[in-house]
Amino acid sequence: MIAYFDSSVLLTILFNEERYDAARYMWETSDFWLSSFLLRIETNISLRRTHKLSEHKADDSLLFQKMNELNAMLKEIHCKPIDDSIEKIIAQNKELDGCKSLDAIHIATALFFKKNSRQDIVFCSFDKNMLAVAKELGFVTNPVNL
């Protein structure tokens, strides 16, 4: 299965959040992982910000461990740079108007991959609005119902 991931799925795994099992299942049942370069930025900032706000902020070893886990996952993901091809897709798809800007970048990037792939791409996220827009644009989503 080819899957497009937004940051919510990776962060759920890294932070061992409530939907960890579902996120891990999405990750492990995928054969090929796709995302926007935006994913790299979002996940790095979220990890550092969460560490800074945590009660364990004096212990950098936890941050170091989580950054290593993140980097191992990021090595598996083919990330598309944000460029004029993504801007063009956003301009051509009025369905993206209901998204926040960064979410629109993620969905537009998934559309880029979809257009350039012979196989279906599953859009993986825990963001309800992003999943609804992705479905509207013809993606199979995971989770199916959120």
C-alpha atoms as a PDB file:
ATOM      1  CA  MET A   1       0.000   0.000   0.000  1.00  0.00           C
ATOM      2  CA  ILE A   2       1.230   3.475  -0.870  1.00  0.00           C
ATOM      3  CA  ALA A   3       0.330   5.941   1.866  1.00  0.00           C
ATOM      4  CA  TYR A   4       0.554   9.684   2.296  1.00  0.00           C
ATOM      5  CA  PHE A   5       1.173  10.762   5.903  1.00  0.00           C
ATOM      6  CA  ASP A   6       0.571  14.069   7.585  1.00  0.00           C
ATOM      7  CA  SER A   7       2.322  14.937  10.842  1.00  0.00           C
ATOM      8  CA  SER A   8      -0.559  13.869  13.124  1.00  0.00           C
ATOM      9  CA  VAL A   9       0.151  10.189  12.511  1.00  0.00           C
ATOM     10  CA  LEU A  10       3.902  10.371  13.132  1.00  0.00           C
ATOM     11  CA  LEU A  11       3.468  12.541  16.219  1.00  0.00           C
ATOM     12  CA  THR A  12       0.916  10.105  17.631  1.00  0.00           C
ATOM     13  CA  ILE A  13       3.503   7.346  17.313  1.00  0.00           C
ATOM     14  CA  LEU A  14       6.343   9.424  18.751  1.00  0.00           C
ATOM     15  CA  PHE A  15       4.299  10.695  21.712  1.00  0.00           C
ATOM     16  CA  ASN A  16       2.628   7.317  22.300  1.00  0.00           C
ATOM     17  CA  GLU A  17      -0.759   9.021  22.268  1.00  0.00           C
ATOM     18  CA  GLU A  18      -4.229   7.517  22.636  1.00  0.00           C
ATOM     19  CA  ARG A  19      -4.467   6.448  18.978  1.00  0.00           C
ATOM     20  CA  TYR A  20      -0.969   4.930  18.974  1.00  0.00           C
ATOM     21  CA  ASP A  21      -2.158   1.468  17.869  1.00  0.00           C
ATOM     22  CA  ALA A  22      -4.095   2.894  14.912  1.00  0.00           C
ATOM     23  CA  ALA A  23      -1.153   5.100  13.898  1.00  0.00           C
ATOM     24  CA  ARG A  24       1.307   2.236  14.181  1.00  0.00           C
ATOM     25  CA  TYR A  25      -1.000   0.018  12.097  1.00  0.00           C
ATOM     26  CA  MET A  26      -1.168   2.673   9.346  1.00  0.00           C
ATOM     27  CA  TRP A  27       2.623   2.928   9.353  1.00  0.00           C
ATOM     28  CA  GLU A  28       3.344  -0.800   9.427  1.00  0.00           C
ATOM     29  CA  THR A  29       0.807  -1.785   6.757  1.00  0.00           C
ATOM     30  CA  SER A  30       2.249   0.676   4.265  1.00  0.00           C
ATOM     31  CA  ASP A  31       4.793  -0.424   1.696  1.00  0.00           C
ATOM     32  CA  PHE A  32       5.762   3.035   0.515  1.00  0.00           C
ATOM     33  CA  TRP A  33       5.522   6.260   2.523  1.00  0.00           C
ATOM     34  CA  LEU A  34       4.912   9.715   1.032  1.00  0.00           C
ATOM     35  CA  SER A  35       4.584  13.209   2.434  1.00  0.00           C
ATOM     36  CA  SER A  36       5.395  16.855   1.949  1.00  0.00           C
ATOM     37  CA  PHE A  37       8.709  18.301   3.074  1.00  0.00           C
ATOM     38  CA  LEU A  38       6.427  20.195   5.435  1.00  0.00           C
ATOM     39  CA  LEU A  39       6.192  17.001   7.511  1.00  0.00           C
ATOM     40  CA  ARG A  40       9.874  17.226   8.376  1.00  0.00           C
ATOM     41  CA  ILE A  41       9.451  20.803   9.611  1.00  0.00           C
ATOM     42  CA  GLU A  42       6.223  20.200  11.541  1.00  0.00           C
ATOM     43  CA  THR A  43       7.438  17.101  13.364  1.00  0.00           C
ATOM     44  CA  ASN A  44      10.809  18.577  14.342  1.00  0.00           C
ATOM     45  CA  ILE A  45       9.206  21.731  15.721  1.00  0.00           C
ATOM     46  CA  SER A  46       6.521  19.765  17.567  1.00  0.00           C
ATOM     47  CA  LEU A  47       9.070  17.483  19.207  1.00  0.00           C
ATOM     48  CA  ARG A  48      11.267  20.359  20.360  1.00  0.00           C
ATOM     49  CA  ARG A  49       8.323  22.499  21.507  1.00  0.00           C
ATOM     50  CA  THR A  50       6.776  19.615  23.448  1.00  0.00           C
ATOM     51  CA  HIS A  51      10.108  18.852  25.101  1.00  0.00           C
ATOM     52  CA  LYS A  52      10.576  22.515  26.051  1.00  0.00           C
ATOM     53  CA  LEU A  53       7.128  22.592  27.687  1.00  0.00           C
ATOM     54  CA  SER A  54       7.456  19.217  29.426  1.00  0.00           C
ATOM     55  CA  GLU A  55       8.311  18.572  33.034  1.00  0.00           C
ATOM     56  CA  HIS A  56      11.395  16.671  31.794  1.00  0.00           C
ATOM     57  CA  LYS A  57      12.867  19.580  29.833  1.00  0.00           C
ATOM     58  CA  ALA A  58      16.109  19.411  31.806  1.00  0.00           C
ATOM     59  CA  ASP A  59      16.657  15.853  30.527  1.00  0.00           C
ATOM     60  CA  ASP A  60      17.726  16.133  26.896  1.00  0.00           C
ATOM     61  CA  SER A  61      18.151  12.366  26.583  1.00  0.00           C
ATOM     62  CA  LEU A  62      14.400  11.889  25.998  1.00  0.00           C
ATOM     63  CA  LEU A  63      14.422  14.535  23.268  1.00  0.00           C
ATOM     64  CA  PHE A  64      17.498  12.911  21.726  1.00  0.00           C
ATOM     65  CA  GLN A  65      15.768   9.499  21.766  1.00  0.00           C
ATOM     66  CA  LYS A  66      12.593  10.892  20.162  1.00  0.00           C
ATOM     67  CA  MET A  67      14.590  12.794  17.536  1.00  0.00           C
ATOM     68  CA  ASN A  68      16.374   9.544  16.639  1.00  0.00           C
ATOM     69  CA  GLU A  69      13.021   7.749  16.328  1.00  0.00           C
ATOM     70  CA  LEU A  70      11.698  10.563  14.154  1.00  0.00           C
ATOM     71  CA  ASN A  71      14.782  10.576  11.928  1.00  0.00           C
ATOM     72  CA  ALA A  72      14.490   6.806  11.423  1.00  0.00           C
ATOM     73  CA  MET A  73      10.884   7.261  10.273  1.00  0.00           C
ATOM     74  CA  LEU A  74      11.735  10.232   8.075  1.00  0.00           C
ATOM     75  CA  LYS A  75      14.371   8.160   6.265  1.00  0.00           C
ATOM     76  CA  GLU A  76      11.547   5.901   5.057  1.00  0.00           C
ATOM     77  CA  ILE A  77       9.379   8.734   3.717  1.00  0.00           C
ATOM     78  CA  HIS A  78       9.701  10.205   0.246  1.00  0.00           C
ATOM     79  CA  CYS A  79       9.094  13.920   0.883  1.00  0.00           C
ATOM     80  CA  LYS A  80       8.129  16.249  -1.937  1.00  0.00           C
ATOM     81  CA  PRO A  81       9.510  19.790  -1.703  1.00  0.00           C
ATOM     82  CA  ILE A  82       7.004  22.609  -1.535  1.00  0.00           C
ATOM     83  CA  ASP A  83       7.329  24.297  -4.906  1.00  0.00           C
ATOM     84  CA  ASP A  84       5.290  25.927  -7.668  1.00  0.00           C
ATOM     85  CA  SER A  85       3.715  22.588  -8.610  1.00  0.00           C
ATOM     86  CA  ILE A  86       2.066  22.489  -5.166  1.00  0.00           C
ATOM     87  CA  GLU A  87       0.997  26.130  -5.448  1.00  0.00           C
ATOM     88  CA  LYS A  88      -0.581  25.359  -8.821  1.00  0.00           C
ATOM     89  CA  ILE A  89      -2.535  22.400  -7.417  1.00  0.00           C
ATOM     90  CA  ILE A  90      -3.829  24.574  -4.567  1.00  0.00           C
ATOM     91  CA  ALA A  91      -4.915  27.247  -7.060  1.00  0.00           C
ATOM     92  CA  GLN A  92      -6.733  24.672  -9.206  1.00  0.00           C
ATOM     93  CA  ASN A  93      -8.657  22.910  -6.424  1.00  0.00           C
ATOM     94  CA  LYS A  94     -11.307  25.035  -4.743  1.00  0.00           C
ATOM     95  CA  GLU A  95     -11.976  22.147  -2.355  1.00  0.00           C
ATOM     96  CA  LEU A  96      -8.788  23.186  -0.537  1.00  0.00           C
ATOM     97  CA  ASP A  97     -10.300  26.576   0.365  1.00  0.00           C
ATOM     98  CA  GLY A  98     -11.788  25.054   3.523  1.00  0.00           C
ATOM     99  CA  CYS A  99      -8.359  24.039   4.818  1.00  0.00           C
ATOM    100  CA  LYS A 100      -5.756  25.815   6.856  1.00  0.00           C
ATOM    101  CA  SER A 101      -2.784  26.730   4.664  1.00  0.00           C
ATOM    102  CA  LEU A 102      -0.466  23.995   5.914  1.00  0.00           C
ATOM    103  CA  ASP A 103      -3.219  21.381   5.592  1.00  0.00           C
ATOM    104  CA  ALA A 104      -3.855  22.541   2.019  1.00  0.00           C
ATOM    105  CA  ILE A 105      -0.143  22.025   1.304  1.00  0.00           C
ATOM    106  CA  HIS A 106      -0.374  18.450   2.592  1.00  0.00           C
ATOM    107  CA  ILE A 107      -3.451  17.603   0.531  1.00  0.00           C
ATOM    108  CA  ALA A 108      -2.055  19.313  -2.567  1.00  0.00           C
ATOM    109  CA  THR A 109       1.137  17.285  -2.191  1.00  0.00           C
ATOM    110  CA  ALA A 110      -0.902  14.098  -1.925  1.00  0.00           C
ATOM    111  CA  LEU A 111      -2.738  15.166  -5.098  1.00  0.00           C
ATOM    112  CA  PHE A 112       0.627  15.664  -6.812  1.00  0.00           C
ATOM    113  CA  PHE A 113       1.634  12.104  -5.939  1.00  0.00           C
ATOM    114  CA  LYS A 114      -1.797  10.769  -6.946  1.00  0.00           C
ATOM    115  CA  LYS A 115      -1.539  12.428 -10.357  1.00  0.00           C
ATOM    116  CA  ASN A 116       1.919  10.937 -10.889  1.00  0.00           C
ATOM    117  CA  SER A 117       1.195   7.412  -9.642  1.00  0.00           C
ATOM    118  CA  ARG A 118      -0.339   4.372 -11.274  1.00  0.00           C
ATOM    119  CA  GLN A 119      -1.468   3.059  -7.891  1.00  0.00           C
ATOM    120  CA  ASP A 120      -3.990   4.341  -5.384  1.00  0.00           C
ATOM    121  CA  ILE A 121      -2.623   6.388  -2.527  1.00  0.00           C
ATOM    122  CA  VAL A 122      -4.193   6.169   0.915  1.00  0.00           C
ATOM    123  CA  PHE A 123      -4.332   9.493   2.764  1.00  0.00           C
ATOM    124  CA  CYS A 124      -3.433   8.931   6.439  1.00  0.00           C
ATOM    125  CA  SER A 125      -4.269  11.545   9.063  1.00  0.00           C
ATOM    126  CA  PHE A 126      -6.110  12.073  12.334  1.00  0.00           C
ATOM    127  CA  ASP A 127      -7.335  15.514  11.260  1.00  0.00           C
ATOM    128  CA  LYS A 128     -11.093  15.243  10.556  1.00  0.00           C
ATOM    129  CA  ASN A 129     -11.199  18.210   8.198  1.00  0.00           C
ATOM    130  CA  MET A 130      -8.217  17.018   6.176  1.00  0.00           C
ATOM    131  CA  LEU A 131      -9.735  13.539   5.887  1.00  0.00           C
ATOM    132  CA  ALA A 132     -13.047  15.002   4.694  1.00  0.00           C
ATOM    133  CA  VAL A 133     -11.349  17.140   2.033  1.00  0.00           C
ATOM    134  CA  ALA A 134      -9.130  14.234   0.959  1.00  0.00           C
ATOM    135  CA  LYS A 135     -12.229  12.036   0.538  1.00  0.00           C
ATOM    136  CA  GLU A 136     -13.922  14.798  -1.453  1.00  0.00           C
ATOM    137  CA  LEU A 137     -10.884  14.794  -3.762  1.00  0.00           C
ATOM    138  CA  GLY A 138     -11.126  11.041  -4.321  1.00  0.00           C
ATOM    139  CA  PHE A 139      -8.673   9.610  -1.800  1.00  0.00           C
ATOM    140  CA  VAL A 140      -9.190   6.481   0.213  1.00  0.00           C
ATOM    141  CA  THR A 141      -8.504   7.603   3.777  1.00  0.00           C
ATOM    142  CA  ASN A 142      -7.116   5.939   6.867  1.00  0.00           C
ATOM    143  CA  PRO A 143      -8.707   5.901   9.321  1.00  0.00           C
ATOM    144  CA  VAL A 144     -11.888   5.529   7.264  1.00  0.00           C
ATOM    145  CA  ASN A 145     -14.140   6.985   9.960  1.00  0.00           C
ATOM    146  CA  LEU A 146     -12.847   9.383  12.560  1.00  0.00           C
END
